[in-house]
Amino acid sequence: MAFAGLVTMVIVLNASPTIGECYGALVELLPCATFVMGPGLRQPPEMCCSGMQHVVAGADTTEKRRSLCQCLKDHAVAASVKVDPAKIKHATEVCGVEIPILLDPNVDCSKIDAFERDQVELDD
């Protein structure tokens, strides 16, 4: 029974790239959760840094940035996740990652700035 559920989930995630990308990003960022939500750790775990680097590298178009923003916003709000913005900032500094989206539950993800490459294409 569990195997059938897993197969169904894989089919659904592969059928919808946006959903698959969202859950993929959430899984990659999972090692960051204990750091950004709790007082225990002083530094983000190495897996957190590699996950953030991979997720940010994958957000290489305006559409992907906006989708990632909405994904993080929707799931954080739905799960009532409380993160410490100072810890997110610290993690990005320690991990050497520049976050291309504003991590705020009130952000309008549709207004995320156009990715430079997309902007050049729009200007042509």
PDB file of N, CA and C in Angstrom:
ATOM      1  N   MET A   1       0.821  -1.184   0.000  1.00  0.00           N
ATOM      2  CA  MET A   1       0.000   0.000   0.000  1.00  0.00           C
ATOM      3  C   MET A   1       0.869   1.254   0.000  1.00  0.00           C
ATOM      4  N   ALA A   2       1.904   1.259   0.833  1.00  0.00           N
ATOM      5  CA  ALA A   2       2.795   2.415   0.898  1.00  0.00           C
ATOM      6  C   ALA A   2       3.516   2.598  -0.434  1.00  0.00           C
ATOM      7  N   PHE A   3       3.869   1.490  -1.073  1.00  0.00           N
ATOM      8  CA  PHE A   3       4.548   1.563  -2.362  1.00  0.00           C
ATOM      9  C   PHE A   3       3.653   2.219  -3.409  1.00  0.00           C
ATOM     10  N   ALA A   4       2.367   1.873  -3.420  1.00  0.00           N
ATOM     11  CA  ALA A   4       1.424   2.470  -4.370  1.00  0.00           C
ATOM     12  C   ALA A   4       1.318   3.968  -4.139  1.00  0.00           C
ATOM     13  N   GLY A   5       1.306   4.395  -2.885  1.00  0.00           N
ATOM     14  CA  GLY A   5       1.265   5.823  -2.571  1.00  0.00           C
ATOM     15  C   GLY A   5       2.505   6.536  -3.060  1.00  0.00           C
ATOM     16  N   LEU A   6       3.652   5.897  -2.900  1.00  0.00           N
ATOM     17  CA  LEU A   6       4.918   6.478  -3.350  1.00  0.00           C
ATOM     18  C   LEU A   6       4.925   6.611  -4.871  1.00  0.00           C
ATOM     19  N   VAL A   7       4.484   5.592  -5.564  1.00  0.00           N
ATOM     20  CA  VAL A   7       4.441   5.632  -7.027  1.00  0.00           C
ATOM     21  C   VAL A   7       3.503   6.743  -7.489  1.00  0.00           C
ATOM     22  N   THR A   8       2.334   6.854  -6.861  1.00  0.00           N
ATOM     23  CA  THR A   8       1.388   7.914  -7.211  1.00  0.00           C
ATOM     24  C   THR A   8       2.009   9.281  -6.995  1.00  0.00           C
ATOM     25  N   MET A   9       2.701   9.456  -5.876  1.00  0.00           N
ATOM     26  CA  MET A   9       3.332  10.737  -5.586  1.00  0.00           C
ATOM     27  C   MET A   9       4.378  11.076  -6.641  1.00  0.00           C
ATOM     28  N   VAL A  10       5.192  10.118  -7.034  1.00  0.00           N
ATOM     29  CA  VAL A  10       6.219  10.348  -8.055  1.00  0.00           C
ATOM     30  C   VAL A  10       5.579  10.734  -9.382  1.00  0.00           C
ATOM     31  N   ILE A  11       4.501  10.049  -9.760  1.00  0.00           N
ATOM     32  CA  ILE A  11       3.813  10.366 -11.016  1.00  0.00           C
ATOM     33  C   ILE A  11       3.255  11.784 -10.964  1.00  0.00           C
ATOM     34  N   VAL A  12       2.602  12.149  -9.861  1.00  0.00           N
ATOM     35  CA  VAL A  12       2.028  13.487  -9.725  1.00  0.00           C
ATOM     36  C   VAL A  12       3.118  14.547  -9.757  1.00  0.00           C
ATOM     37  N   LEU A  13       4.189  14.327  -9.026  1.00  0.00           N
ATOM     38  CA  LEU A  13       5.269  15.317  -8.992  1.00  0.00           C
ATOM     39  C   LEU A  13       5.926  15.473 -10.351  1.00  0.00           C
ATOM     40  N   ASN A  14       6.073  14.384 -11.082  1.00  0.00           N
ATOM     41  CA  ASN A  14       6.677  14.476 -12.406  1.00  0.00           C
ATOM     42  C   ASN A  14       5.730  15.082 -13.425  1.00  0.00           C
ATOM     43  N   ALA A  15       4.434  14.931 -13.221  1.00  0.00           N
ATOM     44  CA  ALA A  15       3.460  15.481 -14.149  1.00  0.00           C
ATOM     45  C   ALA A  15       3.367  16.990 -14.030  1.00  0.00           C
ATOM     46  N   SER A  16       3.677  17.525 -12.876  1.00  0.00           N
ATOM     47  CA  SER A  16       3.603  18.965 -12.659  1.00  0.00           C
ATOM     48  C   SER A  16       4.950  19.473 -12.182  1.00  0.00           C
ATOM     49  N   PRO A  17       5.766  20.025 -13.094  1.00  0.00           N
ATOM     50  CA  PRO A  17       7.091  20.481 -12.714  1.00  0.00           C
ATOM     51  C   PRO A  17       7.074  21.495 -11.584  1.00  0.00           C
ATOM     52  N   THR A  18       6.077  22.375 -11.547  1.00  0.00           N
ATOM     53  CA  THR A  18       6.035  23.384 -10.500  1.00  0.00           C
ATOM     54  C   THR A  18       5.881  22.733  -9.136  1.00  0.00           C
ATOM     55  N   ILE A  19       4.963  21.761  -9.031  1.00  0.00           N
ATOM     56  CA  ILE A  19       4.780  21.055  -7.766  1.00  0.00           C
ATOM     57  C   ILE A  19       6.036  20.275  -7.421  1.00  0.00           C
ATOM     58  N   GLY A  20       6.602  19.594  -8.395  1.00  0.00           N
ATOM     59  CA  GLY A  20       7.818  18.824  -8.151  1.00  0.00           C
ATOM     60  C   GLY A  20       8.969  19.697  -7.711  1.00  0.00           C
ATOM     61  N   GLU A  21       9.112  20.849  -8.358  1.00  0.00           N
ATOM     62  CA  GLU A  21      10.182  21.772  -7.991  1.00  0.00           C
ATOM     63  C   GLU A  21       9.967  22.312  -6.583  1.00  0.00           C
ATOM     64  N   CYS A  22       8.729  22.594  -6.233  1.00  0.00           N
ATOM     65  CA  CYS A  22       8.411  23.107  -4.904  1.00  0.00           C
ATOM     66  C   CYS A  22       8.806  22.087  -3.837  1.00  0.00           C
ATOM     67  N   TYR A  23       8.312  20.871  -3.980  1.00  0.00           N
ATOM     68  CA  TYR A  23       8.630  19.866  -2.971  1.00  0.00           C
ATOM     69  C   TYR A  23      10.116  19.520  -2.975  1.00  0.00           C
ATOM     70  N   GLY A  24      10.731  19.546  -4.145  1.00  0.00           N
ATOM     71  CA  GLY A  24      12.177  19.318  -4.212  1.00  0.00           C
ATOM     72  C   GLY A  24      12.931  20.377  -3.434  1.00  0.00           C
ATOM     73  N   ALA A  25      12.512  21.632  -3.587  1.00  0.00           N
ATOM     74  CA  ALA A  25      13.151  22.734  -2.855  1.00  0.00           C
ATOM     75  C   ALA A  25      12.936  22.574  -1.356  1.00  0.00           C
ATOM     76  N   LEU A  26      11.723  22.206  -0.956  1.00  0.00           N
ATOM     77  CA  LEU A  26      11.442  22.024   0.469  1.00  0.00           C
ATOM     78  C   LEU A  26      12.307  20.923   1.067  1.00  0.00           C
ATOM     79  N   VAL A  27      12.467  19.826   0.331  1.00  0.00           N
ATOM     80  CA  VAL A  27      13.304  18.724   0.811  1.00  0.00           C
ATOM     81  C   VAL A  27      14.755  19.182   0.934  1.00  0.00           C
ATOM     82  N   GLU A  28      15.223  19.932  -0.065  1.00  0.00           N
ATOM     83  CA  GLU A  28      16.618  20.410  -0.039  1.00  0.00           C
ATOM     84  C   GLU A  28      16.853  21.374   1.121  1.00  0.00           C
ATOM     85  N   LEU A  29      15.838  22.144   1.486  1.00  0.00           N
ATOM     86  CA  LEU A  29      15.985  23.132   2.555  1.00  0.00           C
ATOM     87  C   LEU A  29      15.686  22.565   3.943  1.00  0.00           C
ATOM     88  N   LEU A  30      15.207  21.342   4.005  1.00  0.00           N
ATOM     89  CA  LEU A  30      14.862  20.720   5.284  1.00  0.00           C
ATOM     90  C   LEU A  30      16.006  20.746   6.301  1.00  0.00           C
ATOM     91  N   PRO A  31      17.260  20.504   5.899  1.00  0.00           N
ATOM     92  CA  PRO A  31      18.342  20.558   6.893  1.00  0.00           C
ATOM     93  C   PRO A  31      18.524  21.940   7.531  1.00  0.00           C
ATOM     94  N   CYS A  32      17.931  22.969   6.948  1.00  0.00           N
ATOM     95  CA  CYS A  32      18.029  24.326   7.502  1.00  0.00           C
ATOM     96  C   CYS A  32      17.013  24.563   8.612  1.00  0.00           C
ATOM     97  N   ALA A  33      15.982  23.743   8.669  1.00  0.00           N
ATOM     98  CA  ALA A  33      14.858  23.984   9.576  1.00  0.00           C
ATOM     99  C   ALA A  33      15.292  24.098  11.033  1.00  0.00           C
ATOM    100  N   THR A  34      16.105  23.176  11.501  1.00  0.00           N
ATOM    101  CA  THR A  34      16.488  23.218  12.915  1.00  0.00           C
ATOM    102  C   THR A  34      17.296  24.466  13.236  1.00  0.00           C
ATOM    103  N   PHE A  35      18.022  24.971  12.262  1.00  0.00           N
ATOM    104  CA  PHE A  35      18.814  26.177  12.493  1.00  0.00           C
ATOM    105  C   PHE A  35      17.953  27.433  12.492  1.00  0.00           C
ATOM    106  N   VAL A  36      17.117  27.615  11.474  1.00  0.00           N
ATOM    107  CA  VAL A  36      16.365  28.868  11.345  1.00  0.00           C
ATOM    108  C   VAL A  36      15.149  28.948  12.259  1.00  0.00           C
ATOM    109  N   MET A  37      14.726  27.817  12.818  1.00  0.00           N
ATOM    110  CA  MET A  37      13.538  27.827  13.673  1.00  0.00           C
ATOM    111  C   MET A  37      13.859  27.707  15.154  1.00  0.00           C
ATOM    112  N   GLY A  38      15.050  27.245  15.494  1.00  0.00           N
ATOM    113  CA  GLY A  38      15.307  26.983  16.900  1.00  0.00           C
ATOM    114  C   GLY A  38      16.534  27.686  17.434  1.00  0.00           C
ATOM    115  N   PRO A  39      16.636  27.720  18.742  1.00  0.00           N
ATOM    116  CA  PRO A  39      17.761  28.393  19.375  1.00  0.00           C
ATOM    117  C   PRO A  39      19.008  27.519  19.520  1.00  0.00           C
ATOM    118  N   GLY A  40      18.910  26.228  19.208  1.00  0.00           N
ATOM    119  CA  GLY A  40      19.976  25.282  19.513  1.00  0.00           C
ATOM    120  C   GLY A  40      21.279  25.440  18.750  1.00  0.00           C
ATOM    121  N   LEU A  41      21.230  25.513  17.435  1.00  0.00           N
ATOM    122  CA  LEU A  41      22.451  25.518  16.637  1.00  0.00           C
ATOM    123  C   LEU A  41      22.996  26.926  16.462  1.00  0.00           C
ATOM    124  N   ARG A  42      24.343  27.027  16.496  1.00  0.00           N
ATOM    125  CA  ARG A  42      24.983  28.333  16.318  1.00  0.00           C
ATOM    126  C   ARG A  42      25.332  28.595  14.856  1.00  0.00           C
ATOM    127  N   GLN A  43      25.471  27.525  14.081  1.00  0.00           N
ATOM    128  CA  GLN A  43      25.822  27.625  12.666  1.00  0.00           C
ATOM    129  C   GLN A  43      24.897  26.704  11.879  1.00  0.00           C
ATOM    130  N   PRO A  44      24.598  27.066  10.633  1.00  0.00           N
ATOM    131  CA  PRO A  44      23.777  26.164   9.814  1.00  0.00           C
ATOM    132  C   PRO A  44      24.563  24.900   9.474  1.00  0.00           C
ATOM    133  N   PRO A  45      23.908  23.748   9.444  1.00  0.00           N
ATOM    134  CA  PRO A  45      24.602  22.513   9.071  1.00  0.00           C
ATOM    135  C   PRO A  45      25.091  22.590   7.619  1.00  0.00           C
ATOM    136  N   GLU A  46      26.115  21.820   7.306  1.00  0.00           N
ATOM    137  CA  GLU A  46      26.672  21.796   5.947  1.00  0.00           C
ATOM    138  C   GLU A  46      25.607  21.427   4.916  1.00  0.00           C
ATOM    139  N   MET A  47      24.731  20.490   5.264  1.00  0.00           N
ATOM    140  CA  MET A  47      23.670  20.083   4.335  1.00  0.00           C
ATOM    141  C   MET A  47      22.693  21.244   4.069  1.00  0.00           C
ATOM    142  N   CYS A  48      22.541  22.128   5.037  1.00  0.00           N
ATOM    143  CA  CYS A  48      21.706  23.308   4.846  1.00  0.00           C
ATOM    144  C   CYS A  48      22.333  24.194   3.775  1.00  0.00           C
ATOM    145  N   CYS A  49      23.630  24.427   3.894  1.00  0.00           N
ATOM    146  CA  CYS A  49      24.320  25.278   2.919  1.00  0.00           C
ATOM    147  C   CYS A  49      24.241  24.685   1.514  1.00  0.00           C
ATOM    148  N   SER A  50      24.506  23.395   1.386  1.00  0.00           N
ATOM    149  CA  SER A  50      24.471  22.797   0.049  1.00  0.00           C
ATOM    150  C   SER A  50      23.051  22.806  -0.505  1.00  0.00           C
ATOM    151  N   GLY A  51      22.052  22.620   0.341  1.00  0.00           N
ATOM    152  CA  GLY A  51      20.658  22.684  -0.100  1.00  0.00           C
ATOM    153  C   GLY A  51      20.280  24.078  -0.568  1.00  0.00           C
ATOM    154  N   MET A  52      20.665  25.098   0.212  1.00  0.00           N
ATOM    155  CA  MET A  52      20.364  26.482  -0.188  1.00  0.00           C
ATOM    156  C   MET A  52      21.052  26.822  -1.502  1.00  0.00           C
ATOM    157  N   GLN A  53      22.310  26.426  -1.643  1.00  0.00           N
ATOM    158  CA  GLN A  53      23.047  26.730  -2.869  1.00  0.00           C
ATOM    159  C   GLN A  53      22.370  26.094  -4.082  1.00  0.00           C
ATOM    160  N   HIS A  54      21.930  24.864  -3.933  1.00  0.00           N
ATOM    161  CA  HIS A  54      21.288  24.156  -5.035  1.00  0.00           C
ATOM    162  C   HIS A  54      19.939  24.786  -5.393  1.00  0.00           C
ATOM    163  N   VAL A  55      19.138  25.109  -4.386  1.00  0.00           N
ATOM    164  CA  VAL A  55      17.820  25.707  -4.622  1.00  0.00           C
ATOM    165  C   VAL A  55      17.961  27.075  -5.286  1.00  0.00           C
ATOM    166  N   VAL A  56      18.874  27.887  -4.782  1.00  0.00           N
ATOM    167  CA  VAL A  56      19.057  29.228  -5.350  1.00  0.00           C
ATOM    168  C   VAL A  56      19.591  29.133  -6.777  1.00  0.00           C
ATOM    169  N   ALA A  57      20.501  28.204  -7.019  1.00  0.00           N
ATOM    170  CA  ALA A  57      21.029  28.036  -8.381  1.00  0.00           C
ATOM    171  C   ALA A  57      19.926  27.617  -9.347  1.00  0.00           C
ATOM    172  N   GLY A  58      18.954  26.873  -8.860  1.00  0.00           N
ATOM    173  CA  GLY A  58      17.857  26.425  -9.713  1.00  0.00           C
ATOM    174  C   GLY A  58      16.825  27.506  -9.993  1.00  0.00           C
ATOM    175  N   ALA A  59      16.838  28.570  -9.199  1.00  0.00           N
ATOM    176  CA  ALA A  59      15.886  29.679  -9.390  1.00  0.00           C
ATOM    177  C   ALA A  59      16.497  30.673 -10.363  1.00  0.00           C
ATOM    178  N   ASP A  60      16.656  30.224 -11.614  1.00  0.00           N
ATOM    179  CA  ASP A  60      17.418  31.010 -12.587  1.00  0.00           C
ATOM    180  C   ASP A  60      16.566  31.722 -13.625  1.00  0.00           C
ATOM    181  N   THR A  61      15.271  31.816 -13.374  1.00  0.00           N
ATOM    182  CA  THR A  61      14.384  32.611 -14.234  1.00  0.00           C
ATOM    183  C   THR A  61      13.398  33.337 -13.318  1.00  0.00           C
ATOM    184  N   THR A  62      12.771  34.354 -13.854  1.00  0.00           N
ATOM    185  CA  THR A  62      11.776  35.092 -13.075  1.00  0.00           C
ATOM    186  C   THR A  62      10.658  34.158 -12.634  1.00  0.00           C
ATOM    187  N   GLU A  63      10.167  33.329 -13.546  1.00  0.00           N
ATOM    188  CA  GLU A  63       9.076  32.406 -13.223  1.00  0.00           C
ATOM    189  C   GLU A  63       9.476  31.448 -12.098  1.00  0.00           C
ATOM    190  N   LYS A  64      10.689  30.914 -12.156  1.00  0.00           N
ATOM    191  CA  LYS A  64      11.135  29.993 -11.107  1.00  0.00           C
ATOM    192  C   LYS A  64      11.295  30.701  -9.775  1.00  0.00           C
ATOM    193  N   ARG A  65      11.784  31.937  -9.786  1.00  0.00           N
ATOM    194  CA  ARG A  65      11.921  32.695  -8.540  1.00  0.00           C
ATOM    195  C   ARG A  65      10.544  32.945  -7.926  1.00  0.00           C
ATOM    196  N   ARG A  66       9.603  33.334  -8.764  1.00  0.00           N
ATOM    197  CA  ARG A  66       8.255  33.612  -8.256  1.00  0.00           C
ATOM    198  C   ARG A  66       7.588  32.339  -7.750  1.00  0.00           C
ATOM    199  N   SER A  67       7.800  31.230  -8.443  1.00  0.00           N
ATOM    200  CA  SER A  67       7.241  29.946  -8.004  1.00  0.00           C
ATOM    201  C   SER A  67       7.867  29.508  -6.689  1.00  0.00           C
ATOM    202  N   LEU A  68       9.185  29.682  -6.573  1.00  0.00           N
ATOM    203  CA  LEU A  68       9.877  29.319  -5.337  1.00  0.00           C
ATOM    204  C   LEU A  68       9.378  30.178  -4.185  1.00  0.00           C
ATOM    205  N   CYS A  69       9.236  31.452  -4.430  1.00  0.00           N
ATOM    206  CA  CYS A  69       8.705  32.367  -3.422  1.00  0.00           C
ATOM    207  C   CYS A  69       7.337  31.893  -2.948  1.00  0.00           C
ATOM    208  N   GLN A  70       6.440  31.602  -3.888  1.00  0.00           N
ATOM    209  CA  GLN A  70       5.084  31.175  -3.535  1.00  0.00           C
ATOM    210  C   GLN A  70       5.107  29.839  -2.799  1.00  0.00           C
ATOM    211  N   CYS A  71       5.965  28.946  -3.231  1.00  0.00           N
ATOM    212  CA  CYS A  71       6.100  27.645  -2.573  1.00  0.00           C
ATOM    213  C   CYS A  71       6.499  27.824  -1.112  1.00  0.00           C
ATOM    214  N   LEU A  72       7.560  28.590  -0.883  1.00  0.00           N
ATOM    215  CA  LEU A  72       8.040  28.793   0.484  1.00  0.00           C
ATOM    216  C   LEU A  72       6.992  29.510   1.329  1.00  0.00           C
ATOM    217  N   LYS A  73       6.367  30.497   0.742  1.00  0.00           N
ATOM    218  CA  LYS A  73       5.342  31.258   1.453  1.00  0.00           C
ATOM    219  C   LYS A  73       4.160  30.363   1.819  1.00  0.00           C
ATOM    220  N   ASP A  74       3.633  29.628   0.845  1.00  0.00           N
ATOM    221  CA  ASP A  74       2.466  28.773   1.078  1.00  0.00           C
ATOM    222  C   ASP A  74       2.735  27.715   2.138  1.00  0.00           C
ATOM    223  N   HIS A  75       3.874  27.069   2.041  1.00  0.00           N
ATOM    224  CA  HIS A  75       4.152  25.967   2.962  1.00  0.00           C
ATOM    225  C   HIS A  75       4.543  26.452   4.341  1.00  0.00           C
ATOM    226  N   ALA A  76       5.213  27.582   4.429  1.00  0.00           N
ATOM    227  CA  ALA A  76       5.552  28.132   5.739  1.00  0.00           C
ATOM    228  C   ALA A  76       4.288  28.586   6.459  1.00  0.00           C
ATOM    229  N   VAL A  77       3.399  29.253   5.735  1.00  0.00           N
ATOM    230  CA  VAL A  77       2.149  29.730   6.330  1.00  0.00           C
ATOM    231  C   VAL A  77       1.264  28.541   6.702  1.00  0.00           C
ATOM    232  N   ALA A  78       1.147  27.560   5.811  1.00  0.00           N
ATOM    233  CA  ALA A  78       0.298  26.394   6.070  1.00  0.00           C
ATOM    234  C   ALA A  78       0.783  25.606   7.283  1.00  0.00           C
ATOM    235  N   ALA A  79       2.084  25.535   7.458  1.00  0.00           N
ATOM    236  CA  ALA A  79       2.643  24.770   8.571  1.00  0.00           C
ATOM    237  C   ALA A  79       2.864  25.638   9.813  1.00  0.00           C
ATOM    238  N   SER A  80       2.479  26.910   9.720  1.00  0.00           N
ATOM    239  CA  SER A  80       2.695  27.859  10.819  1.00  0.00           C
ATOM    240  C   SER A  80       4.150  27.868  11.272  1.00  0.00           C
ATOM    241  N   VAL A  81       5.046  27.830  10.302  1.00  0.00           N
ATOM    242  CA  VAL A  81       6.479  27.815  10.592  1.00  0.00           C
ATOM    243  C   VAL A  81       6.911  29.211  11.028  1.00  0.00           C
ATOM    244  N   LYS A  82       7.596  29.284  12.133  1.00  0.00           N
ATOM    245  CA  LYS A  82       8.132  30.547  12.629  1.00  0.00           C
ATOM    246  C   LYS A  82       9.651  30.493  12.490  1.00  0.00           C
ATOM    247  N   VAL A  83      10.155  31.326  11.593  1.00  0.00           N
ATOM    248  CA  VAL A  83      11.603  31.370  11.397  1.00  0.00           C
ATOM    249  C   VAL A  83      12.146  32.678  11.928  1.00  0.00           C
ATOM    250  N   ASP A  84      13.405  32.653  12.290  1.00  0.00           N
ATOM    251  CA  ASP A  84      14.093  33.829  12.784  1.00  0.00           C
ATOM    252  C   ASP A  84      14.790  34.495  11.601  1.00  0.00           C
ATOM    253  N   PRO A  85      14.316  35.660  11.157  1.00  0.00           N
ATOM    254  CA  PRO A  85      14.923  36.322   9.996  1.00  0.00           C
ATOM    255  C   PRO A  85      16.417  36.566  10.163  1.00  0.00           C
ATOM    256  N   ALA A  86      16.855  36.834  11.381  1.00  0.00           N
ATOM    257  CA  ALA A  86      18.287  37.047  11.626  1.00  0.00           C
ATOM    258  C   ALA A  86      19.071  35.765  11.356  1.00  0.00           C
ATOM    259  N   LYS A  87      18.467  34.620  11.681  1.00  0.00           N
ATOM    260  CA  LYS A  87      19.150  33.348  11.430  1.00  0.00           C
ATOM    261  C   LYS A  87      19.187  33.024   9.941  1.00  0.00           C
ATOM    262  N   ILE A  88      18.135  33.408   9.199  1.00  0.00           N
ATOM    263  CA  ILE A  88      18.153  33.209   7.750  1.00  0.00           C
ATOM    264  C   ILE A  88      19.277  34.049   7.149  1.00  0.00           C
ATOM    265  N   LYS A  89      19.377  35.298   7.578  1.00  0.00           N
ATOM    266  CA  LYS A  89      20.433  36.189   7.089  1.00  0.00           C
ATOM    267  C   LYS A  89      21.806  35.616   7.424  1.00  0.00           C
ATOM    268  N   HIS A  90      21.966  35.129   8.665  1.00  0.00           N
ATOM    269  CA  HIS A  90      23.232  34.538   9.081  1.00  0.00           C
ATOM    270  C   HIS A  90      23.560  33.308   8.230  1.00  0.00           C
ATOM    271  N   ALA A  91      22.574  32.472   7.994  1.00  0.00           N
ATOM    272  CA  ALA A  91      22.799  31.261   7.192  1.00  0.00           C
ATOM    273  C   ALA A  91      23.242  31.614   5.781  1.00  0.00           C
ATOM    274  N   THR A  92      22.602  32.615   5.175  1.00  0.00           N
ATOM    275  CA  THR A  92      22.990  32.998   3.817  1.00  0.00           C
ATOM    276  C   THR A  92      24.413  33.534   3.780  1.00  0.00           C
ATOM    277  N   GLU A  93      24.800  34.261   4.824  1.00  0.00           N
ATOM    278  CA  GLU A  93      26.169  34.791   4.890  1.00  0.00           C
ATOM    279  C   GLU A  93      27.180  33.668   5.072  1.00  0.00           C
ATOM    280  N   VAL A  94      26.912  32.776   6.022  1.00  0.00           N
ATOM    281  CA  VAL A  94      27.823  31.655   6.293  1.00  0.00           C
ATOM    282  C   VAL A  94      27.941  30.740   5.074  1.00  0.00           C
ATOM    283  N   CYS A  95      26.816  30.509   4.404  1.00  0.00           N
ATOM    284  CA  CYS A  95      26.784  29.590   3.264  1.00  0.00           C
ATOM    285  C   CYS A  95      27.209  30.265   1.950  1.00  0.00           C
ATOM    286  N   GLY A  96      27.370  31.578   1.966  1.00  0.00           N
ATOM    287  CA  GLY A  96      27.758  32.290   0.748  1.00  0.00           C
ATOM    288  C   GLY A  96      26.683  32.276  -0.316  1.00  0.00           C
ATOM    289  N   VAL A  97      25.430  32.425   0.112  1.00  0.00           N
ATOM    290  CA  VAL A  97      24.293  32.363  -0.802  1.00  0.00           C
ATOM    291  C   VAL A  97      23.552  33.692  -0.771  1.00  0.00           C
ATOM    292  N   GLU A  98      23.263  34.218  -1.955  1.00  0.00           N
ATOM    293  CA  GLU A  98      22.433  35.418  -2.039  1.00  0.00           C
ATOM    294  C   GLU A  98      21.032  34.978  -2.428  1.00  0.00           C
ATOM    295  N   ILE A  99      20.082  35.212  -1.541  1.00  0.00           N
ATOM    296  CA  ILE A  99      18.703  34.802  -1.778  1.00  0.00           C
ATOM    297  C   ILE A  99      18.053  35.812  -2.728  1.00  0.00           C
ATOM    298  N   PRO A 100      17.552  35.352  -3.883  1.00  0.00           N
ATOM    299  CA  PRO A 100      16.966  36.276  -4.854  1.00  0.00           C
ATOM    300  C   PRO A 100      15.522  36.655  -4.569  1.00  0.00           C
ATOM    301  N   ILE A 101      14.992  36.185  -3.440  1.00  0.00           N
ATOM    302  CA  ILE A 101      13.605  36.503  -3.099  1.00  0.00           C
ATOM    303  C   ILE A 101      13.546  36.973  -1.655  1.00  0.00           C
ATOM    304  N   LEU A 102      12.554  37.781  -1.348  1.00  0.00           N
ATOM    305  CA  LEU A 102      12.339  38.265   0.001  1.00  0.00           C
ATOM    306  C   LEU A 102      11.624  37.178   0.792  1.00  0.00           C
ATOM    307  N   LEU A 103      12.205  36.784   1.906  1.00  0.00           N
ATOM    308  CA  LEU A 103      11.590  35.745   2.734  1.00  0.00           C
ATOM    309  C   LEU A 103      10.716  36.415   3.785  1.00  0.00           C
ATOM    310  N   ASP A 104       9.497  36.671   3.404  1.00  0.00           N
ATOM    311  CA  ASP A 104       8.539  37.363   4.262  1.00  0.00           C
ATOM    312  C   ASP A 104       7.158  36.795   3.949  1.00  0.00           C
ATOM    313  N   PRO A 105       6.395  36.409   4.990  1.00  0.00           N
ATOM    314  CA  PRO A 105       5.081  35.819   4.727  1.00  0.00           C
ATOM    315  C   PRO A 105       4.105  36.784   4.047  1.00  0.00           C
ATOM    316  N   ASN A 106       4.395  38.066   4.055  1.00  0.00           N
ATOM    317  CA  ASN A 106       3.494  39.046   3.447  1.00  0.00           C
ATOM    318  C   ASN A 106       3.928  39.482   2.052  1.00  0.00           C
ATOM    319  N   VAL A 107       4.997  38.921   1.538  1.00  0.00           N
ATOM    320  CA  VAL A 107       5.499  39.325   0.228  1.00  0.00           C
ATOM    321  C   VAL A 107       4.520  38.932  -0.874  1.00  0.00           C
ATOM    322  N   ASP A 108       4.409  39.779  -1.888  1.00  0.00           N
ATOM    323  CA  ASP A 108       3.615  39.466  -3.076  1.00  0.00           C
ATOM    324  C   ASP A 108       4.583  38.841  -4.080  1.00  0.00           C
ATOM    325  N   CYS A 109       4.541  37.543  -4.187  1.00  0.00           N
ATOM    326  CA  CYS A 109       5.505  36.817  -5.026  1.00  0.00           C
ATOM    327  C   CYS A 109       5.401  37.186  -6.501  1.00  0.00           C
ATOM    328  N   SER A 110       4.258  37.665  -6.933  1.00  0.00           N
ATOM    329  CA  SER A 110       4.107  38.042  -8.336  1.00  0.00           C
ATOM    330  C   SER A 110       4.889  39.314  -8.668  1.00  0.00           C
ATOM    331  N   LYS A 111       5.360  40.005  -7.651  1.00  0.00           N
ATOM    332  CA  LYS A 111       6.103  41.238  -7.864  1.00  0.00           C
ATOM    333  C   LYS A 111       7.614  41.060  -7.689  1.00  0.00           C
ATOM    334  N   ILE A 112       8.066  39.814  -7.578  1.00  0.00           N
ATOM    335  CA  ILE A 112       9.501  39.553  -7.488  1.00  0.00           C
ATOM    336  C   ILE A 112      10.149  40.137  -8.739  1.00  0.00           C
ATOM    337  N   ASP A 113      11.255  40.836  -8.558  1.00  0.00           N
ATOM    338  CA  ASP A 113      11.930  41.467  -9.693  1.00  0.00           C
ATOM    339  C   ASP A 113      12.249  40.462 -10.789  1.00  0.00           C
ATOM    340  N   ALA A 114      12.176  40.947 -12.007  1.00  0.00           N
ATOM    341  CA  ALA A 114      12.504  40.112 -13.164  1.00  0.00           C
ATOM    342  C   ALA A 114      13.968  39.706 -13.096  1.00  0.00           C
ATOM    343  N   PHE A 115      14.215  38.476 -13.415  1.00  0.00           N
ATOM    344  CA  PHE A 115      15.578  37.968 -13.495  1.00  0.00           C
ATOM    345  C   PHE A 115      16.271  38.693 -14.643  1.00  0.00           C
ATOM    346  N   GLU A 116      17.508  39.079 -14.465  1.00  0.00           N
ATOM    347  CA  GLU A 116      18.208  39.904 -15.455  1.00  0.00           C
ATOM    348  C   GLU A 116      18.114  39.353 -16.878  1.00  0.00           C
ATOM    349  N   ARG A 117      18.319  38.067 -17.046  1.00  0.00           N
ATOM    350  CA  ARG A 117      18.264  37.471 -18.380  1.00  0.00           C
ATOM    351  C   ARG A 117      16.863  37.603 -18.975  1.00  0.00           C
ATOM    352  N   ASP A 118      15.827  37.393 -18.147  1.00  0.00           N
ATOM    353  CA  ASP A 118      14.453  37.533 -18.619  1.00  0.00           C
ATOM    354  C   ASP A 118      14.160  38.983 -18.995  1.00  0.00           C
ATOM    355  N   GLN A 119      14.706  39.914 -18.225  1.00  0.00           N
ATOM    356  CA  GLN A 119      14.474  41.331 -18.494  1.00  0.00           C
ATOM    357  C   GLN A 119      15.065  41.720 -19.854  1.00  0.00           C
ATOM    358  N   VAL A 120      16.248  41.204 -20.190  1.00  0.00           N
ATOM    359  CA  VAL A 120      16.878  41.489 -21.472  1.00  0.00           C
ATOM    360  C   VAL A 120      15.985  40.983 -22.594  1.00  0.00           C
ATOM    361  N   GLU A 121      15.430  39.769 -22.431  1.00  0.00           N
ATOM    362  CA  GLU A 121      14.544  39.208 -23.444  1.00  0.00           C
ATOM    363  C   GLU A 121      13.273  40.022 -23.591  1.00  0.00           C
ATOM    364  N   LEU A 122      12.755  40.576 -22.477  1.00  0.00           N
ATOM    365  CA  LEU A 122      11.549  41.377 -22.538  1.00  0.00           C
ATOM    366  C   LEU A 122      11.802  42.708 -23.249  1.00  0.00           C
ATOM    367  N   ASP A 123      13.000  43.258 -23.101  1.00  0.00           N
ATOM    368  CA  ASP A 123      13.345  44.540 -23.703  1.00  0.00           C
ATOM    369  C   ASP A 123      13.534  44.439 -25.211  1.00  0.00           C
ATOM    370  N   ASP A 124      13.861  43.244 -25.705  1.00  0.00           N
ATOM    371  CA  ASP A 124      14.126  43.073 -27.149  1.00  0.00           C
ATOM    372  C   ASP A 124      12.894  43.206 -27.980  1.00  0.00           C
TER     373      ASP A 124
END
